[in-house]
Amino acid sequence: MKLAMIGTGYVGLVTGTCLAESGNEVTCVDIDLAKIERLRQGDIPIYEPGLAELVVRNAAQGRLHFTADYKDAVSDARLVFIAVGTPQDDKGAADLKYVMAAAAAIAPHLQPDAVVVIKSTVPVGTNVKVAAKLSEVAGRPCDVASNPEFLKEGAAIDDFQRPDRVVIGVRTENAKRLLTQLYKPFLRTSNPLLSMTPESAELTKYVANAMLAAKISFINEMANLCELKGGDINDVRQGIGHDQRIGFQFLFPGVGYGGSCFPKDIRALAQMEREVGMEPRMLDAIDEINTAQKNTLIEKIEKHFGGPPKGKTIAVWGLAFKPRTDDIREAPALVLLDYLLQSGARVQTHDPEAMPNVKKEYALRKDLGNLDQRLVFADHPLDCLEGAHALAINTEWNVFRNPDFDQMKKLLAAPLIFDGRNLYSAETMREYGFTYHSIGRAVVKP
């Protein structure tokens, strides 16, 4: 089947590439000419395990194309996906300007029986708005379906190729038939394709993310209670996780969630509730707890040092909001970095993938003064420990899980770790002689 993918961001590029891998001919469109040229050269602008290899292979075999020409991509496509960004506006709602601009751009070139598929995360009612815009520009009714994505950064290829479920919101049998045919190769193990109204499909994405974010904020609040009451959140997590009604997924305490989805989707869903006269008490609480949790390492550092660590050198492991990605959007690590640099500390940091993005981010930060000597990026995790008065861990990359503790202790000016992801056991830290602060557990002192 011939497909067009409008937008080559994270969702568009992963979706388009995986659909090409299953035998479709996919043309991806982006208005950024430099980005299109990079993609044609096999230079992938985001880090996602396995994606570069799939892009290169499918492009070489003629199933995956990149262009800035809407007519070239859309005129013979049976399905045209809109996968552009929906950033947060000043009220917290999803800003639809890119979605509506994409609709206006593709409308003149659509086949009469083509179906436009909204892949972007959009509020309820967007399907209707896009259909109206398409009809206005094209001068005829246009079929619009909704198909939310459920991809986890760092595991997106596997999520797409082996989905738990596929959700489609359709109004016509033609749209249902085409999307069922498209996704059939990915649903061979009896996982369902769920067909519903576009309004229900639009809500499903937000509600799913809200539920997952709620689990994270809940376990973090309980971890904080454990610290104050002398409990151990790991024991509590085991105690509740074996209850099949609860389970273990997303019940890992830490320094809060980040990324491009959870923060903005929680706020957008809350704004939807406000627009219909509801008070989003639970959604606001999820967001507030998470915002506060991003400060938890800061509070532990200040308590240990008796105030801001001015003049101290702090090593920081992990900058991405989660492992297996270079995404730093709303990353808890950036909250810590800002605090340390504003406090007059020196930061030595390492992340396997996200350092280039952080370098770009902080190159624009004029409010922090000259960072040449105060923000140092190390090529190896151990390289940033030398002379540091403490290590703070923000992201649970595998490379951080089993380091050489003897060498760490030699390099650090003090054997002090603030672990925002509970990577190590109390027994190990005690054995090696570290002072060890973690989340929801008692402090370990040598």
Protein backbone atom coordinates (compact mmCIF):
# COMPACT_ATOMS: atom_id res chain seq x y z
CA MET A 1 0.00 0.00 0.00
CA LYS A 2 1.21 3.52 -0.75
CA LEU A 3 1.34 5.72 2.32
CA ALA A 4 2.32 9.28 3.18
CA MET A 5 3.66 10.31 6.58
CA ILE A 6 3.46 14.03 7.36
CA GLY A 7 6.13 14.80 9.93
CA THR A 8 9.47 13.10 10.51
CA GLY A 9 9.71 13.57 14.26
CA TYR A 10 9.88 10.69 16.67
CA VAL A 11 6.43 9.25 15.96
CA GLY A 12 6.41 9.94 12.23
CA LEU A 13 9.84 8.51 11.55
CA VAL A 14 9.34 5.37 13.63
CA THR A 15 5.85 4.75 12.24
CA GLY A 16 6.81 5.39 8.63
CA THR A 17 9.89 3.21 8.85
CA CYS A 18 8.10 0.29 10.51
CA LEU A 19 5.29 0.44 7.96
CA ALA A 20 7.88 0.38 5.15
CA GLU A 21 9.54 -2.61 6.83
CA SER A 22 6.25 -4.52 6.50
CA GLY A 23 6.19 -4.01 2.70
CA ASN A 24 4.40 -0.71 2.23
CA GLU A 25 5.78 2.13 0.13
CA VAL A 26 6.06 5.11 2.46
CA THR A 27 6.93 8.71 1.65
CA CYS A 28 7.77 10.88 4.65
CA VAL A 29 7.28 14.64 4.39
CA ASP A 30 8.90 17.41 6.38
CA ILE A 31 9.17 21.15 5.75
CA ASP A 32 12.73 21.16 7.15
CA LEU A 33 14.85 20.73 4.03
CA ALA A 34 18.05 20.15 5.99
CA LYS A 35 16.39 17.36 7.94
CA ILE A 36 15.10 15.73 4.75
CA GLU A 37 18.61 15.78 3.29
CA ARG A 38 20.04 14.24 6.45
CA LEU A 39 17.47 11.45 6.32
CA ARG A 40 18.21 10.79 2.65
CA GLN A 41 21.85 10.36 3.62
CA GLY A 42 20.93 7.90 6.37
CA ASP A 43 21.72 10.42 9.11
CA ILE A 44 19.04 9.91 11.76
CA PRO A 45 18.33 13.04 13.85
CA ILE A 46 17.10 11.12 16.92
CA TYR A 47 18.50 8.19 18.85
CA GLU A 48 16.24 5.16 18.98
CA PRO A 49 17.76 1.66 19.13
CA GLY A 50 17.43 -0.14 15.80
CA LEU A 51 15.87 2.78 13.91
CA ALA A 52 18.91 3.83 11.86
CA GLU A 53 19.39 0.33 10.46
CA LEU A 54 15.72 0.07 9.45
CA VAL A 55 15.74 3.51 7.78
CA VAL A 56 18.86 2.74 5.76
CA ARG A 57 17.62 -0.71 4.68
CA ASN A 58 14.14 0.36 3.63
CA ALA A 59 15.42 3.46 1.82
CA ALA A 60 17.97 1.34 -0.07
CA GLN A 61 15.25 -1.14 -1.06
CA GLY A 62 12.99 1.62 -2.37
CA ARG A 63 10.19 1.41 0.17
CA LEU A 64 11.03 4.52 2.22
CA HIS A 65 11.35 8.00 0.72
CA PHE A 66 11.86 11.49 2.12
CA THR A 67 10.63 14.72 0.55
CA ALA A 68 9.46 18.26 1.27
CA ASP A 69 6.95 18.10 -1.61
CA TYR A 70 3.41 17.44 -0.34
CA LYS A 71 2.04 16.71 -3.82
CA ASP A 72 4.74 14.15 -4.52
CA ALA A 73 3.96 12.30 -1.29
CA VAL A 74 0.18 12.58 -1.09
CA SER A 75 -1.22 12.41 -4.62
CA ASP A 76 -1.13 8.60 -4.92
CA ALA A 77 -1.33 7.62 -1.23
CA ARG A 78 -4.23 5.54 0.08
CA LEU A 79 -3.52 6.53 3.69
CA VAL A 80 -2.05 9.88 4.68
CA PHE A 81 -0.84 10.06 8.28
CA ILE A 82 -0.50 13.33 10.18
CA ALA A 83 2.27 12.88 12.75
CA VAL A 84 3.33 16.42 13.61
CA GLY A 85 3.96 17.94 17.02
CA THR A 86 1.25 19.19 19.36
CA PRO A 87 3.18 21.37 21.82
CA GLN A 88 1.67 22.74 24.99
CA ASP A 89 0.12 26.20 24.76
CA ASP A 90 0.08 28.81 27.53
CA LYS A 91 -3.01 27.23 29.12
CA GLY A 92 -1.58 23.71 29.09
CA ALA A 93 -3.74 22.55 26.17
CA ALA A 94 -2.38 20.92 23.03
CA ASP A 95 -1.57 23.49 20.33
CA LEU A 96 -3.04 22.25 17.02
CA LYS A 97 -1.41 24.77 14.68
CA TYR A 98 0.90 22.19 13.10
CA VAL A 99 -1.89 19.64 12.72
CA MET A 100 -4.17 22.15 11.01
CA ALA A 101 -1.34 23.43 8.80
CA ALA A 102 -0.61 19.86 7.70
CA ALA A 103 -4.30 19.31 6.90
CA ALA A 104 -4.42 22.45 4.76
CA ALA A 105 -1.22 21.42 2.93
CA ILE A 106 -2.35 17.90 2.02
CA ALA A 107 -5.99 18.68 1.15
CA PRO A 108 -5.45 19.77 -2.50
CA HIS A 109 -3.57 16.56 -3.31
CA LEU A 110 -5.72 13.85 -1.76
CA GLN A 111 -7.20 11.03 -3.81
CA PRO A 112 -11.01 10.91 -3.61
CA ASP A 113 -10.95 7.65 -1.62
CA ALA A 114 -7.85 8.42 0.48
CA VAL A 115 -8.13 8.37 4.25
CA VAL A 116 -6.33 10.92 6.41
CA VAL A 117 -5.14 9.34 9.66
CA ILE A 118 -4.33 11.49 12.68
CA LYS A 119 -1.37 9.94 14.48
CA SER A 120 -0.49 13.02 16.55
CA THR A 121 -1.69 13.14 20.14
CA VAL A 122 -4.65 15.50 19.94
CA PRO A 123 -7.58 16.53 22.17
CA VAL A 124 -11.13 15.34 21.65
CA GLY A 125 -12.76 17.05 18.70
CA THR A 126 -9.61 17.35 16.57
CA ASN A 127 -10.83 14.69 14.13
CA VAL A 128 -13.89 16.81 13.42
CA LYS A 129 -11.79 19.98 13.04
CA VAL A 130 -9.36 18.31 10.65
CA ALA A 131 -12.23 16.91 8.56
CA ALA A 132 -13.74 20.40 8.32
CA LYS A 133 -10.41 21.94 7.27
CA LEU A 134 -9.81 19.26 4.63
CA SER A 135 -13.31 19.70 3.22
CA GLU A 136 -12.92 23.47 3.17
CA VAL A 137 -9.66 23.35 1.21
CA ALA A 138 -10.43 20.34 -0.99
CA GLY A 139 -13.98 21.42 -1.74
CA ARG A 140 -15.42 17.99 -0.92
CA PRO A 141 -15.92 15.70 2.09
CA CYS A 142 -12.78 13.88 3.26
CA ASP A 143 -12.52 10.74 5.37
CA VAL A 144 -10.53 11.23 8.61
CA ALA A 145 -9.56 8.49 11.07
CA SER A 146 -7.74 8.65 14.39
CA ASN A 147 -4.94 6.21 15.25
CA PRO A 148 -3.11 7.13 18.48
CA GLU A 149 0.40 5.81 19.08
CA PHE A 150 1.57 3.93 22.17
CA LEU A 151 5.33 3.90 21.61
CA LYS A 152 7.85 3.92 24.44
CA GLU A 153 11.03 5.81 23.67
CA GLY A 154 13.90 3.35 23.77
CA ALA A 155 11.64 0.43 22.75
CA ALA A 156 9.60 2.00 19.95
CA ILE A 157 10.49 -0.47 17.18
CA ASP A 158 9.43 -3.46 19.26
CA ASP A 159 6.32 -1.64 20.48
CA PHE A 160 5.24 -0.93 16.91
CA GLN A 161 6.03 -4.35 15.53
CA ARG A 162 4.53 -6.24 18.52
CA PRO A 163 1.78 -3.96 19.83
CA ASP A 164 -0.36 -4.77 22.87
CA ARG A 165 -3.25 -3.42 20.84
CA VAL A 166 -3.95 -1.10 17.92
CA VAL A 167 -6.61 1.57 18.41
CA ILE A 168 -8.42 3.12 15.47
CA GLY A 169 -11.17 5.72 15.52
CA VAL A 170 -13.20 5.55 12.30
CA ARG A 171 -16.52 6.71 10.85
CA THR A 172 -16.51 4.73 7.59
CA GLU A 173 -16.10 1.11 6.55
CA ASN A 174 -13.45 2.19 4.02
CA ALA A 175 -11.23 3.63 6.75
CA LYS A 176 -11.75 0.58 8.95
CA ARG A 177 -10.93 -1.79 6.07
CA LEU A 178 -7.73 0.02 5.05
CA LEU A 179 -6.40 0.35 8.60
CA THR A 180 -7.26 -3.27 9.42
CA GLN A 181 -5.36 -4.37 6.30
CA LEU A 182 -2.42 -2.13 7.21
CA TYR A 183 -2.03 -3.42 10.77
CA LYS A 184 -2.85 -7.10 10.13
CA PRO A 185 0.86 -8.12 9.86
CA PHE A 186 1.50 -6.73 13.36
CA LEU A 187 -1.41 -8.51 15.05
CA ARG A 188 -0.67 -12.14 14.28
CA THR A 189 -0.53 -13.23 17.94
CA SER A 190 -4.20 -12.43 18.64
CA ASN A 191 -3.54 -8.99 20.12
CA PRO A 192 -6.59 -6.89 19.22
CA LEU A 193 -7.34 -4.12 16.80
CA LEU A 194 -9.87 -2.00 18.68
CA SER A 195 -12.24 -0.01 16.48
CA MET A 196 -14.17 2.84 18.09
CA THR A 197 -15.32 6.39 17.44
CA PRO A 198 -12.63 9.01 16.79
CA GLU A 199 -13.59 10.75 20.03
CA SER A 200 -12.95 7.60 22.05
CA ALA A 201 -9.67 7.00 20.22
CA GLU A 202 -8.52 10.55 20.93
CA LEU A 203 -9.27 10.09 24.62
CA THR A 204 -7.66 6.64 24.84
CA LYS A 205 -4.16 8.01 24.30
CA TYR A 206 -4.49 10.65 27.01
CA VAL A 207 -6.18 8.35 29.50
CA ALA A 208 -3.51 5.66 29.02
CA ASN A 209 -0.70 8.14 29.68
CA ALA A 210 -2.55 9.61 32.66
CA MET A 211 -2.90 6.16 34.23
CA LEU A 212 0.81 5.39 33.78
CA ALA A 213 1.84 8.80 35.10
CA ALA A 214 -0.48 8.29 38.08
CA LYS A 215 1.33 5.06 39.00
CA ILE A 216 4.69 6.86 38.90
CA SER A 217 3.53 9.78 41.03
CA PHE A 218 1.80 7.42 43.47
CA ILE A 219 4.87 5.24 44.07
CA ASN A 220 7.04 8.35 44.46
CA GLU A 221 4.71 9.79 47.10
CA MET A 222 4.72 6.45 48.92
CA ALA A 223 8.54 6.35 48.69
CA ASN A 224 8.72 9.72 50.40
CA LEU A 225 6.41 8.41 53.12
CA CYS A 226 8.64 5.36 53.56
CA GLU A 227 11.66 7.57 54.22
CA LEU A 228 9.82 9.52 56.90
CA LYS A 229 8.30 6.45 58.56
CA GLY A 230 11.30 4.12 58.38
CA GLY A 231 9.94 1.81 55.69
CA ASP A 232 11.71 0.53 52.57
CA ILE A 233 9.91 1.27 49.31
CA ASN A 234 11.48 -1.74 47.61
CA ASP A 235 9.87 -4.03 50.17
CA VAL A 236 6.56 -2.18 49.89
CA ARG A 237 6.71 -2.36 46.09
CA GLN A 238 7.19 -6.12 46.27
CA GLY A 239 4.36 -6.37 48.76
CA ILE A 240 1.87 -4.65 46.48
CA GLY A 241 3.23 -5.63 43.07
CA HIS A 242 2.48 -9.32 43.51
CA ASP A 243 -1.18 -8.41 43.79
CA GLN A 244 -2.37 -9.12 40.24
CA ARG A 245 -4.78 -6.20 40.44
CA ILE A 246 -1.79 -3.84 40.83
CA GLY A 247 1.26 -5.39 39.16
CA PHE A 248 4.81 -4.08 38.99
CA GLN A 249 4.86 -1.98 35.83
CA PHE A 250 5.62 1.71 36.41
CA LEU A 251 5.96 1.16 40.16
CA PHE A 252 9.62 2.19 40.32
CA PRO A 253 10.38 5.13 42.61
CA GLY A 254 12.70 7.81 41.31
CA VAL A 255 13.14 11.48 40.54
CA GLY A 256 9.98 11.81 38.47
CA TYR A 257 8.91 11.35 34.88
CA GLY A 258 9.88 13.55 31.95
CA GLY A 259 9.88 13.31 28.17
CA SER A 260 7.63 14.65 25.45
CA CYS A 261 4.44 12.79 26.40
CA PHE A 262 3.52 12.43 30.06
CA PRO A 263 4.03 16.05 31.20
CA LYS A 264 2.18 17.72 28.34
CA ASP A 265 -0.50 15.02 28.03
CA ILE A 266 -1.41 15.24 31.73
CA ARG A 267 -1.75 19.02 31.43
CA ALA A 268 -3.69 18.78 28.16
CA LEU A 269 -6.13 16.28 29.67
CA ALA A 270 -6.56 18.53 32.70
CA GLN A 271 -7.32 21.45 30.41
CA MET A 272 -9.93 19.35 28.59
CA GLU A 273 -11.64 18.77 31.92
CA ARG A 274 -11.58 22.48 32.75
CA GLU A 275 -13.11 23.32 29.37
CA VAL A 276 -16.19 21.22 30.21
CA GLY A 277 -16.50 22.56 33.75
CA MET A 278 -14.74 19.75 35.61
CA GLU A 279 -12.06 20.24 38.25
CA PRO A 280 -9.07 18.02 37.37
CA ARG A 281 -8.09 17.30 40.96
CA MET A 282 -6.37 13.99 40.32
CA LEU A 283 -4.57 15.14 37.17
CA ASP A 284 -3.33 18.30 38.87
CA ALA A 285 -2.10 16.22 41.81
CA ILE A 286 -0.20 13.85 39.49
CA ASP A 287 1.53 16.81 37.86
CA GLU A 288 2.26 18.58 41.15
CA ILE A 289 3.72 15.46 42.77
CA ASN A 290 5.94 14.86 39.77
CA THR A 291 7.16 18.45 39.66
CA ALA A 292 8.06 18.27 43.34
CA GLN A 293 9.76 14.88 42.92
CA LYS A 294 12.25 16.38 40.47
CA ASN A 295 13.65 18.30 43.44
CA THR A 296 14.20 15.27 45.65
CA LEU A 297 17.95 14.93 44.96
CA ILE A 298 18.35 18.66 45.47
CA GLU A 299 16.76 18.36 48.91
CA LYS A 300 18.99 15.43 49.83
CA ILE A 301 22.11 17.27 48.65
CA GLU A 302 21.23 20.38 50.64
CA LYS A 303 20.47 18.35 53.75
CA HIS A 304 23.80 16.52 53.52
CA PHE A 305 25.93 19.60 52.89
CA GLY A 306 23.93 21.89 55.16
CA GLY A 307 22.93 24.13 52.28
CA PRO A 308 23.70 24.67 48.58
CA PRO A 309 26.93 22.95 47.43
CA LYS A 310 28.70 26.18 46.44
CA GLY A 311 32.29 25.49 45.46
CA LYS A 312 31.72 21.73 45.37
CA THR A 313 32.21 19.50 42.34
CA ILE A 314 29.27 17.19 41.69
CA ALA A 315 29.38 14.31 39.22
CA VAL A 316 26.10 13.60 37.44
CA TRP A 317 25.33 10.30 35.73
CA GLY A 318 22.41 10.40 33.30
CA LEU A 319 20.87 13.34 31.44
CA ALA A 320 18.15 11.79 29.26
CA PHE A 321 14.72 11.51 30.86
CA LYS A 322 14.97 7.72 30.55
CA PRO A 323 17.52 5.19 29.24
CA ARG A 324 17.84 4.18 25.57
CA THR A 325 16.99 7.66 24.28
CA ASP A 326 18.70 11.02 23.81
CA ASP A 327 15.51 12.92 24.69
CA ILE A 328 16.02 15.56 27.39
CA ARG A 329 12.59 17.20 27.21
CA GLU A 330 11.35 17.79 30.78
CA ALA A 331 14.22 15.59 32.04
CA PRO A 332 14.64 15.61 35.85
CA ALA A 333 18.41 15.82 35.33
CA LEU A 334 18.08 19.33 33.91
CA VAL A 335 16.35 20.51 37.08
CA LEU A 336 19.33 19.23 39.06
CA LEU A 337 21.87 20.73 36.64
CA ASP A 338 20.20 24.14 36.82
CA TYR A 339 20.21 24.04 40.60
CA LEU A 340 23.87 22.98 40.85
CA LEU A 341 25.10 25.58 38.39
CA GLN A 342 23.00 28.36 39.95
CA SER A 343 24.34 27.34 43.37
CA GLY A 344 27.93 27.85 42.28
CA ALA A 345 28.84 24.17 42.01
CA ARG A 346 30.96 22.62 39.27
CA VAL A 347 29.31 19.76 37.35
CA GLN A 348 31.06 16.84 35.66
CA THR A 349 28.57 14.71 33.77
CA HIS A 350 28.13 11.73 31.47
CA ASP A 351 25.26 10.24 29.48
CA PRO A 352 25.66 7.60 26.75
CA GLU A 353 23.44 9.46 24.24
CA ALA A 354 22.05 12.77 25.52
CA MET A 355 25.21 14.88 25.98
CA PRO A 356 25.04 16.55 22.52
CA ASN A 357 21.49 17.72 23.22
CA VAL A 358 22.44 19.05 26.66
CA LYS A 359 25.44 20.87 25.20
CA LYS A 360 23.14 22.60 22.71
CA GLU A 361 20.63 23.44 25.46
CA TYR A 362 23.18 24.99 27.80
CA ALA A 363 25.03 26.82 25.03
CA LEU A 364 21.93 29.03 24.87
CA ARG A 365 21.73 29.62 28.64
CA LYS A 366 23.05 33.14 29.13
CA ASP A 367 21.59 33.33 32.65
CA LEU A 368 24.17 30.89 34.02
CA GLY A 369 27.26 32.83 32.98
CA ASN A 370 30.38 31.23 31.55
CA LEU A 371 29.98 27.46 31.77
CA ASP A 372 33.26 26.47 30.08
CA GLN A 373 34.87 25.36 33.33
CA ARG A 374 31.72 24.71 35.37
CA LEU A 375 29.90 22.20 33.13
CA VAL A 376 32.19 19.44 31.92
CA PHE A 377 31.11 16.51 29.73
CA ALA A 378 33.01 13.25 30.16
CA ASP A 379 33.36 10.50 27.56
CA HIS A 380 33.21 7.72 30.16
CA PRO A 381 31.21 7.42 33.39
CA LEU A 382 34.30 7.07 35.56
CA ASP A 383 35.98 10.08 33.92
CA CYS A 384 33.53 12.51 35.52
CA LEU A 385 34.12 11.19 39.05
CA GLU A 386 37.67 12.44 39.55
CA GLY A 387 37.79 14.96 42.38
CA ALA A 388 33.98 15.10 42.74
CA HIS A 389 32.55 15.58 46.22
CA ALA A 390 29.48 13.46 45.31
CA LEU A 391 27.84 11.48 42.53
CA ALA A 392 24.18 12.08 41.61
CA ILE A 393 22.39 9.50 39.43
CA ASN A 394 19.37 10.55 37.35
CA THR A 395 18.93 7.96 34.59
CA GLU A 396 19.05 4.17 34.92
CA TRP A 397 21.29 3.36 31.96
CA ASN A 398 22.58 -0.23 32.11
CA VAL A 399 26.18 1.00 32.03
CA PHE A 400 25.63 2.54 35.49
CA ARG A 401 24.22 -0.59 37.11
CA ASN A 402 27.39 -2.55 37.85
CA PRO A 403 30.38 -0.16 37.94
CA ASP A 404 33.79 -0.69 39.53
CA PHE A 405 32.99 0.53 43.03
CA ASP A 406 36.60 0.32 44.20
CA GLN A 407 37.70 2.57 41.34
CA MET A 408 34.78 4.92 41.97
CA LYS A 409 35.80 5.32 45.58
CA LYS A 410 39.38 6.12 44.59
CA LEU A 411 38.31 8.76 42.08
CA LEU A 412 35.72 10.56 44.22
CA ALA A 413 36.92 13.13 46.73
CA ALA A 414 34.31 11.68 49.09
CA PRO A 415 32.51 8.28 48.89
CA LEU A 416 29.08 9.88 48.56
CA ILE A 417 26.26 8.87 46.18
CA PHE A 418 22.80 10.38 45.67
CA ASP A 419 20.93 7.75 43.68
CA GLY A 420 17.70 8.95 42.09
CA ARG A 421 16.94 5.54 40.54
CA ASN A 422 17.77 3.07 43.35
CA LEU A 423 20.35 1.25 41.26
CA TYR A 424 22.31 -0.25 44.15
CA SER A 425 21.54 -2.29 47.22
CA ALA A 426 22.19 -1.02 50.72
CA GLU A 427 24.38 -4.07 51.36
CA THR A 428 26.65 -3.29 48.41
CA MET A 429 27.00 0.34 49.40
CA ARG A 430 27.79 -0.59 52.99
CA GLU A 431 30.33 -3.19 51.86
CA TYR A 432 32.23 -0.66 49.75
CA GLY A 433 32.03 2.09 52.35
CA PHE A 434 29.80 4.64 50.60
CA THR A 435 27.42 7.10 52.14
CA TYR A 436 24.38 6.35 50.03
CA HIS A 437 21.15 8.32 49.66
CA SER A 438 18.38 6.74 47.58
CA ILE A 439 14.62 7.08 47.13
CA GLY A 440 12.27 5.68 49.75
CA ARG A 441 15.00 3.89 51.72
CA ALA A 442 17.12 4.64 54.74
CA VAL A 443 20.46 6.42 54.26
CA VAL A 444 23.45 4.06 54.25
CA LYS A 445 26.44 5.29 56.23
CA PRO A 446 29.81 3.50 56.42
